[in-house]
Protein backbone atom coordinates (compact mmCIF):
# COMPACT_ATOMS: atom_id res chain seq x y z
CA MET A 1 5.07 21.39 -9.32
CA SER A 2 8.27 21.96 -7.43
CA ALA A 3 9.48 19.78 -4.59
CA THR A 4 9.94 21.53 -1.28
CA ARG A 5 13.63 20.75 -0.91
CA PRO A 6 15.88 23.19 0.96
CA GLU A 7 17.24 26.09 -1.07
CA GLY A 8 20.46 27.02 0.66
CA LYS A 9 20.40 27.79 4.35
CA GLY A 10 17.03 29.46 4.22
CA GLY A 11 15.13 26.39 3.05
CA PRO A 12 12.25 26.51 0.55
CA THR A 13 10.58 29.84 -0.12
CA VAL A 14 6.95 30.16 0.92
CA ASP A 15 5.65 30.23 -2.65
CA ARG A 16 7.31 26.85 -3.26
CA VAL A 17 5.83 25.15 -0.21
CA ILE A 18 2.93 22.92 -1.24
CA THR A 19 0.96 21.32 1.58
CA ILE A 20 -0.96 18.14 1.01
CA GLU A 21 -4.25 20.03 1.42
CA ARG A 22 -3.27 22.53 -1.29
CA HIS A 23 -2.09 19.72 -3.55
CA ILE A 24 -5.31 17.73 -3.18
CA VAL A 25 -7.39 20.85 -3.90
CA GLU A 26 -5.32 21.61 -7.01
CA GLN A 27 -5.77 18.02 -8.19
CA GLN A 28 -9.51 18.40 -7.66
CA LYS A 29 -9.58 21.46 -9.95
CA GLN A 30 -8.68 19.18 -12.85
CA HIS A 31 -12.10 17.58 -12.44
CA PRO A 32 -14.86 20.23 -12.69
CA GLU A 33 -17.46 17.67 -11.65
CA ALA A 34 -15.70 17.04 -8.32
CA THR A 35 -17.63 17.94 -5.18
CA GLY A 36 -14.72 18.14 -2.75
CA VAL A 37 -15.79 15.08 -0.78
CA LEU A 38 -12.87 12.94 -1.98
CA THR A 39 -10.54 15.80 -1.08
CA SER A 40 -11.90 15.82 2.46
CA ILE A 41 -11.52 12.04 2.84
CA LEU A 42 -7.88 12.20 1.76
CA TYR A 43 -7.20 15.03 4.17
CA ASP A 44 -8.84 13.10 7.01
CA ILE A 45 -6.56 10.15 6.23
CA ALA A 46 -3.58 12.51 6.37
CA LEU A 47 -4.80 13.69 9.78
CA ALA A 48 -5.10 10.09 10.98
CA GLY A 49 -1.55 9.57 9.76
CA LYS A 50 -0.32 12.43 11.92
CA LEU A 51 -1.97 10.92 14.99
CA ILE A 52 -0.54 7.48 14.27
CA ALA A 53 2.90 8.94 13.55
CA ARG A 54 2.83 10.70 16.91
CA GLU A 55 2.20 7.42 18.69
CA THR A 56 4.77 5.43 16.70
CA THR A 57 7.53 7.91 17.52
CA ARG A 58 6.81 7.73 21.24
CA ALA A 59 5.68 4.11 21.42
CA GLY A 60 8.54 2.95 23.60
CA LEU A 61 7.89 5.77 26.06
CA ALA A 62 4.10 5.67 26.18
CA ASP A 63 3.57 2.00 27.08
CA ILE A 64 1.89 1.38 23.74
CA LEU A 65 4.28 -1.37 22.63
CA GLY A 66 3.37 -5.04 23.02
CA LEU A 67 0.27 -7.11 22.40
CA THR A 68 -3.34 -6.76 23.51
CA GLY A 69 -4.11 -10.44 24.07
CA VAL A 70 -6.84 -10.19 21.40
CA PHE A 71 -6.57 -12.09 18.10
CA ASN A 72 -7.81 -10.57 14.84
CA VAL A 73 -9.53 -12.28 11.92
CA GLN A 74 -6.13 -13.29 10.52
CA GLY A 75 -5.39 -15.31 13.66
CA GLU A 76 -2.71 -12.79 14.62
CA GLU A 77 -2.46 -11.28 18.09
CA VAL A 78 -3.29 -7.59 17.83
CA ALA A 79 -0.57 -5.15 18.80
CA ARG A 80 -1.59 -2.19 20.94
CA LEU A 81 -0.45 0.26 18.30
CA ASP A 82 -2.44 -1.70 15.68
CA GLU A 83 -5.57 -1.19 17.75
CA TYR A 84 -4.84 2.51 18.19
CA ALA A 85 -4.30 3.01 14.45
CA ASN A 86 -7.51 1.19 13.58
CA GLN A 87 -9.56 3.26 16.01
CA ALA A 88 -7.97 6.52 14.85
CA ILE A 89 -8.98 5.91 11.23
CA VAL A 90 -12.48 4.68 12.07
CA ARG A 91 -13.32 7.50 14.47
CA LEU A 92 -12.07 10.24 12.15
CA ASN A 93 -14.21 8.95 9.29
CA GLN A 94 -17.37 7.42 10.72
CA PHE A 95 -19.28 10.64 11.48
CA THR A 96 -18.47 12.79 8.42
CA GLY A 97 -21.30 11.69 6.14
CA ARG A 98 -18.79 11.01 3.35
CA LEU A 99 -18.53 7.23 3.64
CA ALA A 100 -21.05 4.47 3.05
CA VAL A 101 -18.97 1.80 4.77
CA MET A 102 -15.42 0.92 5.73
CA GLY A 103 -13.37 -2.26 5.68
CA SER A 104 -10.36 -2.89 7.90
CA GLU A 105 -7.71 -5.60 7.80
CA GLU A 106 -8.14 -5.84 11.57
CA VAL A 107 -11.91 -6.44 11.54
CA ALA A 108 -13.61 -9.66 10.42
CA ASP A 109 -16.67 -8.07 8.81
CA ILE A 110 -17.35 -4.66 7.31
CA VAL A 111 -17.07 -1.58 9.52
CA PRO A 112 -20.54 0.00 9.22
CA ILE A 113 -21.28 3.66 9.72
CA PRO A 114 -23.19 3.96 13.03
CA ASP A 115 -26.91 4.57 12.61
CA GLU A 116 -26.71 8.00 14.24
CA PHE A 117 -24.47 9.29 11.46
CA PRO A 118 -25.35 9.94 7.78
CA THR A 119 -23.78 7.89 5.02
CA GLY A 120 -22.09 9.06 1.84
CA ARG A 121 -21.00 7.87 -1.59
CA TYR A 122 -17.57 6.45 -0.84
CA VAL A 123 -15.98 3.31 0.57
CA LEU A 124 -12.72 3.31 2.55
CA LEU A 125 -10.65 0.13 2.81
CA PHE A 126 -7.49 0.11 4.88
CA ASP A 127 -4.77 -1.79 6.67
CA PRO A 128 -4.31 0.42 9.73
CA LEU A 129 -0.77 -0.67 10.55
CA ASP A 130 1.02 -2.90 8.07
CA GLY A 131 4.17 -4.52 9.43
CA SER A 132 2.97 -4.32 13.02
CA SER A 133 5.02 -7.40 13.96
CA ASN A 134 8.03 -5.10 13.58
CA ILE A 135 6.75 -2.45 16.00
CA ASP A 136 8.78 -3.64 18.98
CA TYR A 137 11.98 -3.46 16.92
CA ALA A 138 11.65 0.16 15.69
CA VAL A 139 11.34 -0.96 12.05
CA SER A 140 9.43 1.24 9.59
CA ILE A 141 5.73 0.41 9.41
CA GLY A 142 2.81 1.88 7.49
CA THR A 143 -0.87 2.43 6.78
CA ILE A 144 -2.35 1.39 3.41
CA PHE A 145 -5.69 2.64 2.06
CA SER A 146 -7.95 2.78 -0.97
CA ILE A 147 -11.12 4.71 -1.77
CA LEU A 148 -13.92 3.50 -4.04
CA ARG A 149 -17.43 4.62 -4.95
CA ARG A 150 -20.24 2.67 -3.39
CA LYS A 151 -22.34 0.28 -5.52
CA SER A 152 -25.43 0.26 -3.32
CA PRO A 153 -28.06 3.05 -3.51
CA ASP A 154 -27.02 6.33 -1.90
CA ASP A 155 -29.98 6.42 0.47
CA THR A 156 -29.13 3.06 2.11
CA ARG A 157 -26.51 1.80 4.55
CA GLY A 158 -23.29 0.50 3.02
CA THR A 159 -22.97 -3.21 2.30
CA ARG A 160 -20.37 -5.95 2.05
CA GLU A 161 -20.72 -5.82 -1.73
CA ASP A 162 -19.61 -2.18 -1.68
CA CYS A 163 -16.27 -3.42 -0.35
CA LEU A 164 -15.93 -6.41 -2.68
CA GLN A 165 -14.89 -4.44 -5.75
CA PRO A 166 -11.92 -5.13 -8.03
CA GLY A 167 -8.94 -2.82 -7.82
CA ARG A 168 -9.71 -1.34 -11.22
CA ASP A 169 -12.62 0.47 -9.50
CA ILE A 170 -10.32 2.28 -7.06
CA ILE A 171 -10.45 6.06 -7.49
CA ALA A 172 -7.68 6.92 -5.02
CA ALA A 173 -5.15 4.97 -2.99
CA GLY A 174 -2.04 5.52 -0.97
CA TYR A 175 -0.01 4.74 2.09
CA LEU A 176 1.62 6.40 5.06
CA LEU A 177 5.13 5.35 6.05
CA TYR A 178 6.26 5.78 9.65
CA GLY A 179 10.03 5.64 9.91
CA PRO A 180 12.93 8.08 10.23
CA SER A 181 10.47 10.52 8.69
CA THR A 182 6.73 10.21 8.13
CA MET A 183 5.59 10.19 4.51
CA MET A 184 2.25 10.03 2.75
CA VAL A 185 2.19 8.83 -0.85
CA TYR A 186 -1.06 8.89 -2.79
CA SER A 187 -2.62 8.92 -6.23
CA ALA A 188 -6.08 10.01 -7.29
CA GLY A 189 -5.41 8.97 -10.88
CA ASN A 190 -3.23 11.95 -11.81
CA GLY A 191 0.25 10.70 -10.98
CA VAL A 192 1.77 9.47 -7.75
CA HIS A 193 2.92 12.11 -5.27
CA GLY A 194 4.84 11.92 -2.00
CA PHE A 195 4.69 14.22 1.01
CA THR A 196 6.91 14.40 4.07
CA LEU A 197 5.57 15.46 7.47
CA ASP A 198 7.32 18.59 8.69
CA GLN A 199 7.11 18.11 12.44
CA THR A 200 7.86 21.77 13.13
CA VAL A 201 4.69 23.00 11.42
CA GLY A 202 2.63 19.81 11.59
CA GLU A 203 1.97 19.63 7.84
CA PHE A 204 2.68 17.17 5.06
CA LEU A 205 4.73 19.03 2.42
CA LEU A 206 5.24 17.94 -1.17
CA THR A 207 8.72 16.45 -1.55
CA HIS A 208 8.30 13.83 -4.28
CA PRO A 209 6.03 15.07 -7.11
CA ASN A 210 5.10 12.80 -10.02
CA ILE A 211 6.90 9.67 -8.88
CA HIS A 212 7.85 7.19 -11.59
CA ILE A 213 9.46 3.83 -10.92
CA PRO A 214 12.96 4.02 -12.46
CA ALA A 215 13.28 2.05 -15.70
CA LYS A 216 16.51 0.45 -14.50
CA PRO A 217 15.79 -1.58 -11.35
CA LYS A 218 18.18 -1.76 -8.41
CA PHE A 219 16.53 -4.13 -5.96
CA TYR A 220 14.60 -7.34 -5.52
CA SER A 221 12.71 -7.89 -2.28
CA VAL A 222 11.61 -11.29 -1.05
CA ASN A 223 11.97 -13.42 2.07
CA GLN A 224 14.44 -16.02 0.83
CA GLY A 225 14.12 -17.84 4.14
CA TYR A 226 11.00 -19.44 2.64
CA THR A 227 12.72 -20.70 -0.53
CA ALA A 228 12.18 -24.35 0.38
CA TYR A 229 8.41 -23.77 0.46
CA TRP A 230 8.18 -22.21 -3.01
CA ALA A 231 7.29 -23.82 -6.32
CA ARG A 232 10.30 -24.58 -8.50
CA GLU A 233 9.28 -21.77 -10.89
CA ILE A 234 9.59 -19.19 -8.09
CA GLN A 235 12.95 -20.59 -7.07
CA GLU A 236 14.19 -20.28 -10.65
CA PHE A 237 12.86 -16.74 -10.97
CA THR A 238 14.78 -15.80 -7.83
CA GLU A 239 17.95 -17.42 -9.19
CA TYR A 240 17.43 -15.44 -12.40
CA LEU A 241 17.19 -12.16 -10.47
CA GLN A 242 20.46 -12.99 -8.74
CA THR A 243 22.17 -12.88 -12.15
CA ARG A 244 20.74 -9.45 -13.04
CA ASN A 245 23.02 -7.22 -10.95
CA LEU A 246 20.25 -6.51 -8.44
CA SER A 247 20.71 -6.09 -4.71
CA LEU A 248 18.55 -8.06 -2.29
CA ARG A 249 16.75 -5.71 0.08
CA TYR A 250 14.01 -7.08 2.33
CA ILE A 251 12.70 -5.36 5.45
CA GLY A 252 9.62 -7.48 6.09
CA SER A 253 7.35 -4.44 6.21
CA LEU A 254 5.38 -4.26 2.96
CA VAL A 255 5.02 -0.48 2.87
CA ALA A 256 8.73 0.06 3.53
CA ASP A 257 9.79 -2.50 0.91
CA PHE A 258 7.36 -1.12 -1.67
CA HIS A 259 8.37 2.48 -0.97
CA ARG A 260 12.06 1.77 -1.48
CA ASN A 261 11.41 0.01 -4.78
CA LEU A 262 8.98 2.71 -5.91
CA LEU A 263 11.76 5.29 -5.61
CA GLY A 264 14.77 3.14 -6.46
CA GLY A 265 13.33 0.62 -8.90
CA GLY A 266 12.88 -3.09 -8.40
CA ILE A 267 10.39 -5.82 -7.61
CA PHE A 268 8.79 -7.01 -4.39
CA TYR A 269 7.18 -10.41 -4.34
CA TYR A 270 5.43 -12.59 -1.80
CA PRO A 271 4.46 -15.77 -3.65
CA ALA A 272 2.18 -18.60 -2.66
CA ASP A 273 4.01 -21.20 -0.59
CA THR A 274 3.41 -24.44 1.30
CA ARG A 275 4.68 -23.19 4.66
CA ASP A 276 1.23 -22.67 6.17
CA PRO A 277 -1.61 -24.87 4.83
CA ARG A 278 -4.09 -22.23 6.05
CA LYS A 279 -2.59 -19.73 3.61
CA PRO A 280 -2.11 -21.56 0.29
CA ARG A 281 -2.42 -18.27 -1.62
CA GLY A 282 0.27 -16.50 0.33
CA LYS A 283 0.03 -13.97 3.12
CA LEU A 284 -1.04 -10.64 1.65
CA ARG A 285 -4.64 -9.41 1.57
CA LEU A 286 -6.04 -8.44 -1.82
CA LEU A 287 -8.32 -5.62 -0.66
CA TYR A 288 -6.20 -4.07 2.06
CA GLU A 289 -2.65 -4.45 0.73
CA ALA A 290 -2.23 -5.76 -2.81
CA ALA A 291 -4.87 -3.75 -4.69
CA PRO A 292 -4.05 -0.29 -3.25
CA LEU A 293 -0.33 -0.73 -3.90
CA ALA A 294 -1.04 -2.13 -7.37
CA PHE A 295 -3.01 1.04 -8.14
CA LEU A 296 0.00 3.14 -7.12
CA ALA A 297 2.46 0.94 -9.00
CA GLU A 298 0.53 1.21 -12.26
CA HIS A 299 0.15 4.98 -11.96
CA ALA A 300 3.92 5.17 -11.39
CA GLY A 301 4.61 3.21 -14.59
CA GLY A 302 4.96 -0.21 -12.96
CA ALA A 303 2.83 -3.32 -12.74
CA ALA A 304 1.38 -5.78 -10.24
CA SER A 305 0.34 -9.40 -10.75
CA ASP A 306 -0.58 -12.51 -8.80
CA GLY A 307 1.69 -14.43 -11.16
CA SER A 308 -0.87 -14.87 -13.90
CA ARG A 309 -3.39 -12.02 -13.59
CA ARG A 310 -3.25 -8.28 -13.16
CA ILE A 311 -3.98 -7.60 -9.49
CA LEU A 312 -6.44 -4.81 -10.35
CA ASP A 313 -8.54 -7.23 -12.43
CA ILE A 314 -9.13 -9.75 -9.65
CA VAL A 315 -12.72 -9.66 -8.40
CA PRO A 316 -12.62 -10.35 -4.65
CA GLN A 317 -14.92 -12.99 -3.21
CA GLU A 318 -14.02 -12.44 0.44
CA LEU A 319 -13.13 -9.42 2.55
CA HIS A 320 -9.88 -11.01 3.69
CA GLN A 321 -9.00 -12.86 0.50
CA ARG A 322 -5.27 -13.47 0.14
CA THR A 323 -3.21 -13.34 -3.01
CA PRO A 324 0.34 -13.85 -4.22
CA LEU A 325 1.88 -10.52 -5.20
CA PHE A 326 4.58 -9.51 -7.67
CA ILE A 327 4.86 -5.72 -7.83
CA GLY A 328 7.29 -3.13 -9.15
CA ASN A 329 9.07 -2.65 -12.47
CA ALA A 330 6.78 -3.77 -15.28
CA ASP A 331 9.51 -5.76 -17.05
CA LEU A 332 10.37 -7.73 -13.92
CA VAL A 333 6.71 -8.44 -13.15
CA GLN A 334 6.25 -9.72 -16.71
CA THR A 335 9.35 -11.89 -16.33
CA ALA A 336 7.90 -13.37 -13.13
CA GLU A 337 4.72 -14.27 -15.01
CA GLU A 338 6.77 -15.91 -17.76
CA PHE A 339 8.61 -18.09 -15.26
CA LEU A 340 5.37 -19.05 -13.55
CA CYS A 341 3.54 -19.98 -16.75
CA GLY A 342 6.53 -21.97 -18.04
CA SER A 343 7.35 -19.82 -21.06
CA ARG A 344 10.73 -19.01 -19.50
CA SER A 345 13.12 -21.04 -17.36
CA LEU A 346 16.78 -21.08 -16.45
CA GLY A 347 17.23 -24.07 -18.76
CA MET A 348 15.76 -22.14 -21.70
CA ILE A 349 17.95 -19.13 -20.95
CA GLU A 350 21.06 -21.30 -20.81
CA ARG A 351 20.21 -23.04 -24.11
CA MET A 352 19.72 -19.67 -25.79
CA ARG A 353 23.04 -18.48 -24.41
CA VAL A 354 24.82 -21.57 -25.74
CA GLU A 355 23.18 -21.25 -29.16
CA LYS A 356 24.43 -17.67 -29.50
CA ARG A 357 28.06 -18.72 -29.07
């Protein structure tokens, strides 16, 4: 498929313009058994993204900045835009009859489908507005989502167990990035594809088909302000990266950091640390952040690990379970695992260098 990049002054020709709806339908045609329900869910998420993007671009003008005074299950005060994003996604999906249940990073328990609406075969898990602590500073933020098939019988209401599935059961995942432009990146198992919202026509248009993480990485992304709280193995891994001709780039918004490394090559990591005894496994949520992005990373030729296990193999025990995350270029993720398990260290590397002299 061709990207919809401008062709001279006239821009892309009509036959080269591929909307996200057309792309999803064409992807569906590769699966004769498909019913079109997954296609509709993805398109509804794209619609929610348009609504959220509209509010993020006018947040400073519409009195939607700031905090609500309500604290979520994470113990974090909910931003007004966070609340709007959560409600937009829930309300667009709760009545369609396509979903059995939803799970939100902002809600302590599952988000059930109201009794007055029918239920469907799919489960939607999402972080409505990742990076919301950056909202007041006009930093790029995003929405992360994954779609799974329910485990409970089709003729029943969705359950907590429907949400507690390992990432390897994900059938589609993606994110929306709200920044200088609004992008939606998704995979339904047939490559990773990126779309940019054309504000003039109100449609997501294909701009980044078949994304692959570059083999040669450019960046490493980590909050080095927390170095003192890391295990020595993480400190050494970071020192190793500093010798690999990589540039440090860290925004503090997971979607933005992941997106840059997806296109430019590199590794993002948020390890376990001792800074907050309430979060010994790090900050990121397995279901709502780590697993969906791991699905994308693997389909783009990369990898994702908690330092010892593939993220997609972890069976969640809790809705808001946290996990360390190392994600990006497969070689760098493997190197991180080697440092963490002790099979590689700076001392070993130096001894090998000396022996080769």
